């Protein structure tokens, strides 16, 4: 828990499937049962995506498991959640997605000083050749680290 940050979940495939350019931090509008479920660590942003409309940005298809003790006030697990971003950030995201091949990818969900935050990024989808290149790069880095460690 460095700098008051407690990571709930990460989208580990995001950096593998997308070439990340710009990163943004957004707040989330959540209900009480969603916050309690997040504190237990029951969330998934793998299939989630961000949709920008006239009213602002929304997080779609993010799974937050129902809180066990929620009762009648429990939340819908995959409901649309409003993202809290500045107008200039929304404009940057909108302009970024208008470019060919660019999309908004959720990177990680975490608590920062007690508030739920979502790190999202503009990314361009990698082709299979690019993925092979990044795998080869990672393997060569591992080999170099092993050689230096044994030296």
C-alpha atoms as a PDB file:
ATOM      1  CA  UNK A   1       0.000   0.000   0.000  1.00  0.00           C
ATOM      2  CA  UNK A   2       2.323   2.706  -1.305  1.00  0.00           C
ATOM      3  CA  UNK A   3       1.198   6.354  -1.293  1.00  0.00           C
ATOM      4  CA  UNK A   4      -2.281   5.493   0.033  1.00  0.00           C
ATOM      5  CA  UNK A   5      -3.042   3.298  -2.991  1.00  0.00           C
ATOM      6  CA  UNK A   6      -4.702  -0.102  -2.534  1.00  0.00           C
ATOM      7  CA  UNK A   7      -5.091  -1.950  -5.849  1.00  0.00           C
ATOM      8  CA  UNK A   8      -8.362  -3.863  -6.238  1.00  0.00           C
ATOM      9  CA  UNK A   9      -7.911  -5.332  -9.706  1.00  0.00           C
ATOM     10  CA  UNK A  10      -5.750  -4.901 -12.814  1.00  0.00           C
ATOM     11  CA  UNK A  11      -6.418  -5.517 -16.484  1.00  0.00           C
ATOM     12  CA  UNK A  12      -3.206  -7.424 -17.182  1.00  0.00           C
ATOM     13  CA  UNK A  13      -4.090  -8.123 -20.822  1.00  0.00           C
ATOM     14  CA  UNK A  14      -4.421  -4.412 -21.587  1.00  0.00           C
ATOM     15  CA  UNK A  15      -0.693  -3.807 -21.954  1.00  0.00           C
ATOM     16  CA  UNK A  16      -0.342  -6.997 -23.991  1.00  0.00           C
ATOM     17  CA  UNK A  17      -3.242  -6.324 -26.386  1.00  0.00           C
ATOM     18  CA  UNK A  18      -2.858  -2.540 -26.670  1.00  0.00           C
ATOM     19  CA  UNK A  19      -0.060  -0.068 -27.205  1.00  0.00           C
ATOM     20  CA  UNK A  20      -0.766   2.442 -24.426  1.00  0.00           C
ATOM     21  CA  UNK A  21      -0.203   6.151 -25.125  1.00  0.00           C
ATOM     22  CA  UNK A  22      -1.943   8.460 -22.597  1.00  0.00           C
ATOM     23  CA  UNK A  23      -3.086   7.527 -19.091  1.00  0.00           C
ATOM     24  CA  UNK A  24      -5.872   9.177 -17.090  1.00  0.00           C
ATOM     25  CA  UNK A  25      -7.215   8.813 -13.557  1.00  0.00           C
ATOM     26  CA  UNK A  26     -10.985   8.945 -13.091  1.00  0.00           C
ATOM     27  CA  UNK A  27     -13.199   8.810 -10.055  1.00  0.00           C
ATOM     28  CA  UNK A  28     -16.246   6.513  -9.991  1.00  0.00           C
ATOM     29  CA  UNK A  29     -19.828   7.190  -8.923  1.00  0.00           C
ATOM     30  CA  UNK A  30     -20.691   4.141  -6.807  1.00  0.00           C
ATOM     31  CA  UNK A  31     -23.374   2.991  -4.375  1.00  0.00           C
ATOM     32  CA  UNK A  32     -22.580   1.919  -0.819  1.00  0.00           C
ATOM     33  CA  UNK A  33     -22.869  -1.807  -1.527  1.00  0.00           C
ATOM     34  CA  UNK A  34     -20.485  -1.428  -4.499  1.00  0.00           C
ATOM     35  CA  UNK A  35     -17.853   0.240  -2.305  1.00  0.00           C
ATOM     36  CA  UNK A  36     -18.153  -2.530   0.303  1.00  0.00           C
ATOM     37  CA  UNK A  37     -17.847  -5.192  -2.412  1.00  0.00           C
ATOM     38  CA  UNK A  38     -14.755  -3.432  -3.794  1.00  0.00           C
ATOM     39  CA  UNK A  39     -13.182  -3.379  -0.332  1.00  0.00           C
ATOM     40  CA  UNK A  40     -13.499  -7.195  -0.364  1.00  0.00           C
ATOM     41  CA  UNK A  41     -11.716  -7.193  -3.761  1.00  0.00           C
ATOM     42  CA  UNK A  42     -14.548  -8.664  -5.853  1.00  0.00           C
ATOM     43  CA  UNK A  43     -14.267  -6.797  -9.141  1.00  0.00           C
ATOM     44  CA  UNK A  44     -13.183  -7.450 -12.727  1.00  0.00           C
ATOM     45  CA  UNK A  45     -12.299  -4.913 -15.439  1.00  0.00           C
ATOM     46  CA  UNK A  46     -11.149  -7.419 -18.083  1.00  0.00           C
ATOM     47  CA  UNK A  47     -14.244  -7.060 -20.327  1.00  0.00           C
ATOM     48  CA  UNK A  48     -14.978  -3.455 -19.337  1.00  0.00           C
ATOM     49  CA  UNK A  49     -14.813  -0.515 -21.722  1.00  0.00           C
ATOM     50  CA  UNK A  50     -15.447   3.226 -21.614  1.00  0.00           C
ATOM     51  CA  UNK A  51     -18.207   4.908 -23.596  1.00  0.00           C
ATOM     52  CA  UNK A  52     -18.204   8.671 -24.103  1.00  0.00           C
ATOM     53  CA  UNK A  53     -21.557  10.354 -24.628  1.00  0.00           C
ATOM     54  CA  UNK A  54     -22.994  13.861 -24.444  1.00  0.00           C
ATOM     55  CA  UNK A  55     -23.362  13.708 -20.656  1.00  0.00           C
ATOM     56  CA  UNK A  56     -19.806  12.464 -20.021  1.00  0.00           C
ATOM     57  CA  UNK A  57     -17.899   9.193 -19.759  1.00  0.00           C
ATOM     58  CA  UNK A  58     -19.357   5.896 -18.529  1.00  0.00           C
ATOM     59  CA  UNK A  59     -17.734   2.611 -17.527  1.00  0.00           C
ATOM     60  CA  UNK A  60     -19.640  -0.226 -19.174  1.00  0.00           C
ATOM     61  CA  UNK A  61     -19.571  -3.967 -18.390  1.00  0.00           C
ATOM     62  CA  UNK A  62     -17.342  -3.698 -15.304  1.00  0.00           C
ATOM     63  CA  UNK A  63     -18.230  -6.542 -12.948  1.00  0.00           C
ATOM     64  CA  UNK A  64     -18.529  -5.755  -9.247  1.00  0.00           C
ATOM     65  CA  UNK A  65     -19.913  -8.759  -7.366  1.00  0.00           C
ATOM     66  CA  UNK A  66     -23.025  -8.188  -5.225  1.00  0.00           C
ATOM     67  CA  UNK A  67     -22.248  -7.511  -1.566  1.00  0.00           C
ATOM     68  CA  UNK A  68     -23.261 -10.506   0.561  1.00  0.00           C
ATOM     69  CA  UNK A  69     -24.836  -8.410   3.325  1.00  0.00           C
ATOM     70  CA  UNK A  70     -26.436  -5.924   0.907  1.00  0.00           C
ATOM     71  CA  UNK A  71     -30.011  -7.159   1.197  1.00  0.00           C
ATOM     72  CA  UNK A  72     -32.631  -5.208  -0.713  1.00  0.00           C
ATOM     73  CA  UNK A  73     -30.219  -2.293  -1.313  1.00  0.00           C
ATOM     74  CA  UNK A  74     -27.792  -4.426  -3.324  1.00  0.00           C
ATOM     75  CA  UNK A  75     -26.546  -3.242  -6.716  1.00  0.00           C
ATOM     76  CA  UNK A  76     -26.691  -4.654 -10.249  1.00  0.00           C
ATOM     77  CA  UNK A  77     -23.273  -6.330 -10.898  1.00  0.00           C
ATOM     78  CA  UNK A  78     -22.721  -5.031 -14.460  1.00  0.00           C
ATOM     79  CA  UNK A  79     -24.509  -1.688 -14.362  1.00  0.00           C
ATOM     80  CA  UNK A  80     -23.178   1.380 -16.176  1.00  0.00           C
ATOM     81  CA  UNK A  81     -21.130   3.593 -13.853  1.00  0.00           C
ATOM     82  CA  UNK A  82     -20.409   7.289 -14.347  1.00  0.00           C
ATOM     83  CA  UNK A  83     -16.731   8.311 -14.528  1.00  0.00           C
ATOM     84  CA  UNK A  84     -15.667  11.585 -12.946  1.00  0.00           C
ATOM     85  CA  UNK A  85     -13.302  13.354 -15.343  1.00  0.00           C
ATOM     86  CA  UNK A  86     -12.536  16.990 -16.124  1.00  0.00           C
ATOM     87  CA  UNK A  87     -14.007  18.390 -19.334  1.00  0.00           C
ATOM     88  CA  UNK A  88     -10.563  18.763 -20.898  1.00  0.00           C
ATOM     89  CA  UNK A  89      -9.790  15.094 -20.186  1.00  0.00           C
ATOM     90  CA  UNK A  90     -13.070  14.007 -21.766  1.00  0.00           C
ATOM     91  CA  UNK A  91     -12.229  16.087 -24.848  1.00  0.00           C
ATOM     92  CA  UNK A  92      -8.771  14.468 -25.101  1.00  0.00           C
ATOM     93  CA  UNK A  93     -10.346  11.013 -24.849  1.00  0.00           C
ATOM     94  CA  UNK A  94     -12.994  11.892 -27.435  1.00  0.00           C
ATOM     95  CA  UNK A  95     -10.382  13.227 -29.891  1.00  0.00           C
ATOM     96  CA  UNK A  96      -8.195  10.192 -29.249  1.00  0.00           C
ATOM     97  CA  UNK A  97     -10.975   7.722 -30.055  1.00  0.00           C
ATOM     98  CA  UNK A  98     -11.799   9.548 -33.292  1.00  0.00           C
ATOM     99  CA  UNK A  99      -8.383   8.513 -34.603  1.00  0.00           C
ATOM    100  CA  UNK A 100      -8.322   5.210 -36.429  1.00  0.00           C
ATOM    101  CA  UNK A 101      -7.654   2.186 -34.237  1.00  0.00           C
ATOM    102  CA  UNK A 102      -7.605   4.065 -30.913  1.00  0.00           C
ATOM    103  CA  UNK A 103      -9.761   2.975 -27.987  1.00  0.00           C
ATOM    104  CA  UNK A 104     -10.138   3.687 -24.277  1.00  0.00           C
ATOM    105  CA  UNK A 105      -8.928   0.807 -22.112  1.00  0.00           C
ATOM    106  CA  UNK A 106      -9.441   0.444 -18.329  1.00  0.00           C
ATOM    107  CA  UNK A 107      -6.064  -0.432 -16.791  1.00  0.00           C
ATOM    108  CA  UNK A 108      -6.695  -0.838 -13.057  1.00  0.00           C
ATOM    109  CA  UNK A 109      -9.248  -0.206 -10.325  1.00  0.00           C
ATOM    110  CA  UNK A 110      -7.931   0.949  -6.943  1.00  0.00           C
ATOM    111  CA  UNK A 111      -8.556   2.961  -3.806  1.00  0.00           C
ATOM    112  CA  UNK A 112      -6.563   6.159  -3.438  1.00  0.00           C
ATOM    113  CA  UNK A 113      -6.882   7.831  -0.046  1.00  0.00           C
ATOM    114  CA  UNK A 114     -10.149   5.963   0.525  1.00  0.00           C
ATOM    115  CA  UNK A 115     -11.747   6.901  -2.808  1.00  0.00           C
ATOM    116  CA  UNK A 116     -12.381   4.465  -5.665  1.00  0.00           C
ATOM    117  CA  UNK A 117     -10.406   5.398  -8.776  1.00  0.00           C
ATOM    118  CA  UNK A 118     -10.035   3.909 -12.244  1.00  0.00           C
ATOM    119  CA  UNK A 119      -6.898   4.279 -14.336  1.00  0.00           C
ATOM    120  CA  UNK A 120      -7.769   4.325 -17.999  1.00  0.00           C
ATOM    121  CA  UNK A 121      -5.658   4.851 -21.068  1.00  0.00           C
ATOM    122  CA  UNK A 122      -5.833   5.572 -24.755  1.00  0.00           C
ATOM    123  CA  UNK A 123      -4.517   2.582 -26.606  1.00  0.00           C
ATOM    124  CA  UNK A 124      -4.081   1.274 -30.106  1.00  0.00           C
ATOM    125  CA  UNK A 125      -4.693  -2.431 -30.709  1.00  0.00           C
ATOM    126  CA  UNK A 126      -1.560  -4.458 -31.375  1.00  0.00           C
ATOM    127  CA  UNK A 127      -1.314  -6.832 -34.273  1.00  0.00           C
ATOM    128  CA  UNK A 128      -0.038 -10.397 -33.831  1.00  0.00           C
ATOM    129  CA  UNK A 129       3.406  -9.379 -35.118  1.00  0.00           C
ATOM    130  CA  UNK A 130       3.652  -6.656 -32.461  1.00  0.00           C
ATOM    131  CA  UNK A 131       2.670  -9.132 -29.743  1.00  0.00           C
ATOM    132  CA  UNK A 132       5.388 -11.538 -30.885  1.00  0.00           C
ATOM    133  CA  UNK A 133       7.875  -8.681 -30.808  1.00  0.00           C
ATOM    134  CA  UNK A 134       6.928  -7.742 -27.230  1.00  0.00           C
ATOM    135  CA  UNK A 135       7.191 -11.408 -26.136  1.00  0.00           C
ATOM    136  CA  UNK A 136      10.663 -11.680 -27.719  1.00  0.00           C
ATOM    137  CA  UNK A 137      11.690  -8.419 -26.047  1.00  0.00           C
ATOM    138  CA  UNK A 138      10.521  -9.673 -22.652  1.00  0.00           C
ATOM    139  CA  UNK A 139      12.361 -12.995 -23.087  1.00  0.00           C
ATOM    140  CA  UNK A 140      15.628 -11.282 -24.052  1.00  0.00           C
ATOM    141  CA  UNK A 141      15.332  -8.992 -21.028  1.00  0.00           C
ATOM    142  CA  UNK A 142      14.877 -12.054 -18.775  1.00  0.00           C
ATOM    143  CA  UNK A 143      17.951 -13.711 -20.290  1.00  0.00           C
ATOM    144  CA  UNK A 144      20.037 -10.580 -19.719  1.00  0.00           C
ATOM    145  CA  UNK A 145      18.833 -10.296 -16.114  1.00  0.00           C
ATOM    146  CA  UNK A 146      19.687 -13.956 -15.469  1.00  0.00           C
ATOM    147  CA  UNK A 147      23.149 -13.500 -16.990  1.00  0.00           C
ATOM    148  CA  UNK A 148      23.820 -10.429 -14.868  1.00  0.00           C
ATOM    149  CA  UNK A 149      22.542 -12.162 -11.745  1.00  0.00           C
ATOM    150  CA  UNK A 150      24.750 -15.231 -12.262  1.00  0.00           C
ATOM    151  CA  UNK A 151      27.754 -13.032 -13.097  1.00  0.00           C
END
